[in-house]
């Protein structure tokens, strides 16, 4: 009986650790994706660079 209880405890610990790793991984990946999206939007909008929007070509001209 003691062996079964020990195995059940290890199963619970394993499930809890997997849940923690998945939770932390989800938060980190979500932040990375948001940061990448923000940087991409800034580049497309010409923020922080020497870009101007050209209406005739519908593009940003950057120097």
N, C-alpha and C. Protein backbone atom coordinates (compact mmCIF):
# COMPACT_ATOMS: atom_id res chain seq x y z
N UNK A 1 0.82 -1.19 0.00
CA UNK A 1 0.00 0.00 0.00
C UNK A 1 0.87 1.26 0.00
N UNK A 2 2.00 1.18 0.72
CA UNK A 2 2.87 2.35 0.78
C UNK A 2 3.43 2.69 -0.60
N UNK A 3 3.74 1.66 -1.38
CA UNK A 3 4.28 1.90 -2.71
C UNK A 3 3.26 2.59 -3.60
N UNK A 4 2.01 2.19 -3.51
CA UNK A 4 0.95 2.81 -4.32
C UNK A 4 0.75 4.27 -3.92
N UNK A 5 0.83 4.54 -2.63
CA UNK A 5 0.68 5.92 -2.16
C UNK A 5 1.86 6.78 -2.65
N UNK A 6 3.05 6.21 -2.62
CA UNK A 6 4.23 6.93 -3.09
C UNK A 6 4.14 7.23 -4.58
N UNK A 7 3.65 6.27 -5.35
CA UNK A 7 3.50 6.49 -6.79
C UNK A 7 2.42 7.53 -7.07
N UNK A 8 1.35 7.52 -6.30
CA UNK A 8 0.29 8.52 -6.47
C UNK A 8 0.83 9.91 -6.15
N UNK A 9 1.64 10.02 -5.10
CA UNK A 9 2.23 11.32 -4.76
C UNK A 9 3.15 11.81 -5.86
N UNK A 10 3.95 10.92 -6.43
CA UNK A 10 4.84 11.32 -7.52
C UNK A 10 4.05 11.75 -8.75
N UNK A 11 2.93 11.08 -9.00
CA UNK A 11 2.08 11.46 -10.13
C UNK A 11 1.52 12.86 -9.94
N UNK A 12 1.05 13.14 -8.73
CA UNK A 12 0.51 14.46 -8.41
C UNK A 12 1.59 15.52 -8.54
N UNK A 13 2.77 15.25 -8.02
CA UNK A 13 3.88 16.20 -8.11
C UNK A 13 4.25 16.45 -9.57
N UNK A 14 4.29 15.39 -10.36
CA UNK A 14 4.62 15.53 -11.77
C UNK A 14 3.59 16.39 -12.50
N UNK A 15 2.31 16.14 -12.24
CA UNK A 15 1.24 16.92 -12.88
C UNK A 15 1.32 18.38 -12.48
N UNK A 16 1.58 18.65 -11.20
CA UNK A 16 1.70 20.03 -10.73
C UNK A 16 2.89 20.72 -11.38
N UNK A 17 4.02 20.04 -11.47
CA UNK A 17 5.21 20.63 -12.09
C UNK A 17 4.98 20.90 -13.58
N UNK A 18 4.32 19.99 -14.27
CA UNK A 18 4.02 20.21 -15.68
C UNK A 18 3.11 21.43 -15.84
N UNK A 19 2.11 21.56 -14.96
CA UNK A 19 1.21 22.71 -15.02
C UNK A 19 1.96 24.02 -14.78
N UNK A 20 2.90 24.01 -13.84
CA UNK A 20 3.69 25.22 -13.56
C UNK A 20 4.54 25.59 -14.78
N UNK A 21 5.21 24.60 -15.36
CA UNK A 21 6.06 24.86 -16.53
C UNK A 21 5.23 25.39 -17.70
N UNK A 22 4.07 24.78 -17.93
CA UNK A 22 3.20 25.26 -19.01
C UNK A 22 2.70 26.68 -18.74
N UNK A 23 2.36 26.98 -17.49
CA UNK A 23 1.90 28.33 -17.15
C UNK A 23 2.97 29.37 -17.37
N UNK A 24 4.17 29.09 -16.90
CA UNK A 24 5.28 30.03 -17.08
C UNK A 24 5.63 30.16 -18.56
N UNK A 25 5.65 29.04 -19.26
CA UNK A 25 5.96 29.08 -20.70
C UNK A 25 4.93 29.88 -21.47
N UNK A 26 3.66 29.73 -21.12
CA UNK A 26 2.60 30.49 -21.79
C UNK A 26 2.79 31.99 -21.57
N UNK A 27 3.10 32.38 -20.36
CA UNK A 27 3.31 33.81 -20.06
C UNK A 27 4.50 34.35 -20.83
N UNK A 28 5.61 33.62 -20.84
CA UNK A 28 6.82 34.08 -21.54
C UNK A 28 6.57 34.18 -23.04
N UNK A 29 5.96 33.16 -23.63
CA UNK A 29 5.72 33.17 -25.07
C UNK A 29 4.74 34.27 -25.44
N UNK A 30 3.72 34.48 -24.61
CA UNK A 30 2.75 35.55 -24.87
C UNK A 30 3.43 36.92 -24.86
N UNK A 31 4.30 37.14 -23.89
CA UNK A 31 5.03 38.41 -23.83
C UNK A 31 5.95 38.58 -25.03
N UNK A 32 6.63 37.53 -25.44
CA UNK A 32 7.51 37.60 -26.60
C UNK A 32 6.72 37.94 -27.86
N UNK A 33 5.57 37.31 -28.02
CA UNK A 33 4.75 37.57 -29.21
C UNK A 33 4.23 39.01 -29.20
N UNK A 34 3.80 39.51 -28.04
CA UNK A 34 3.33 40.89 -27.97
C UNK A 34 4.45 41.88 -28.26
N UNK A 35 5.65 41.62 -27.72
CA UNK A 35 6.78 42.51 -27.97
C UNK A 35 7.15 42.52 -29.45
N UNK A 36 7.16 41.35 -30.07
CA UNK A 36 7.47 41.26 -31.49
C UNK A 36 6.44 42.00 -32.32
N UNK A 37 5.17 41.84 -31.97
CA UNK A 37 4.10 42.53 -32.68
C UNK A 37 4.24 44.04 -32.54
N UNK A 38 4.52 44.50 -31.33
CA UNK A 38 4.69 45.94 -31.10
C UNK A 38 5.86 46.49 -31.90
N UNK A 39 6.96 45.78 -31.92
CA UNK A 39 8.13 46.23 -32.69
C UNK A 39 7.81 46.27 -34.17
N UNK A 40 7.10 45.26 -34.64
CA UNK A 40 6.73 45.22 -36.05
C UNK A 40 5.82 46.39 -36.40
N UNK A 41 4.85 46.66 -35.54
CA UNK A 41 3.95 47.79 -35.78
C UNK A 41 4.70 49.11 -35.78
N UNK A 42 5.67 49.25 -34.87
CA UNK A 42 6.46 50.48 -34.83
C UNK A 42 7.26 50.65 -36.11
N UNK A 43 7.81 49.56 -36.62
CA UNK A 43 8.58 49.64 -37.87
C UNK A 43 7.66 50.01 -39.02
N UNK A 44 6.50 49.38 -39.08
CA UNK A 44 5.56 49.66 -40.17
C UNK A 44 5.03 51.08 -40.11
N UNK A 45 4.90 51.63 -38.91
CA UNK A 45 4.38 52.99 -38.76
C UNK A 45 5.48 54.04 -38.79
N UNK A 46 6.71 53.62 -38.94
CA UNK A 46 7.81 54.56 -39.05
C UNK A 46 8.27 55.13 -37.73
N UNK A 47 7.84 54.56 -36.63
CA UNK A 47 8.25 55.09 -35.33
C UNK A 47 9.72 54.78 -35.08
N UNK A 48 10.42 55.79 -34.61
CA UNK A 48 11.82 55.60 -34.26
C UNK A 48 12.74 55.52 -35.45
N UNK A 49 12.26 55.86 -36.62
CA UNK A 49 13.13 55.83 -37.79
C UNK A 49 12.85 57.06 -38.64
N UNK A 50 13.57 57.17 -39.72
CA UNK A 50 13.44 58.31 -40.60
C UNK A 50 12.58 57.92 -41.80
N UNK A 51 11.30 57.58 -41.55
CA UNK A 51 10.41 57.10 -42.60
C UNK A 51 9.26 58.07 -42.84
N UNK A 52 8.86 58.13 -44.09
CA UNK A 52 7.68 58.93 -44.44
C UNK A 52 6.76 58.08 -45.31
N UNK A 53 5.47 58.33 -45.16
CA UNK A 53 4.49 57.55 -45.93
C UNK A 53 4.27 58.20 -47.28
N UNK A 54 4.36 57.40 -48.33
CA UNK A 54 4.18 57.87 -49.69
C UNK A 54 2.79 57.44 -50.16
N UNK A 55 1.87 58.39 -50.32
CA UNK A 55 0.49 58.07 -50.72
C UNK A 55 0.40 57.46 -52.09
N UNK A 56 1.26 57.85 -52.99
CA UNK A 56 1.17 57.33 -54.36
C UNK A 56 1.54 55.85 -54.43
N UNK A 57 2.53 55.44 -53.64
CA UNK A 57 2.94 54.02 -53.65
C UNK A 57 2.31 53.23 -52.52
N UNK A 58 1.67 53.93 -51.59
CA UNK A 58 1.06 53.28 -50.41
C UNK A 58 2.09 52.52 -49.59
N UNK A 59 3.30 53.09 -49.51
CA UNK A 59 4.38 52.47 -48.76
C UNK A 59 5.14 53.52 -47.96
N UNK A 60 5.91 53.02 -47.00
CA UNK A 60 6.79 53.90 -46.24
C UNK A 60 8.14 53.95 -46.94
N UNK A 61 8.65 55.17 -47.08
CA UNK A 61 9.99 55.37 -47.64
C UNK A 61 10.91 55.68 -46.47
N UNK A 62 11.88 54.81 -46.24
CA UNK A 62 12.81 54.98 -45.12
C UNK A 62 14.20 55.26 -45.63
N UNK A 63 14.89 56.12 -44.92
CA UNK A 63 16.27 56.47 -45.28
C UNK A 63 17.23 55.82 -44.35
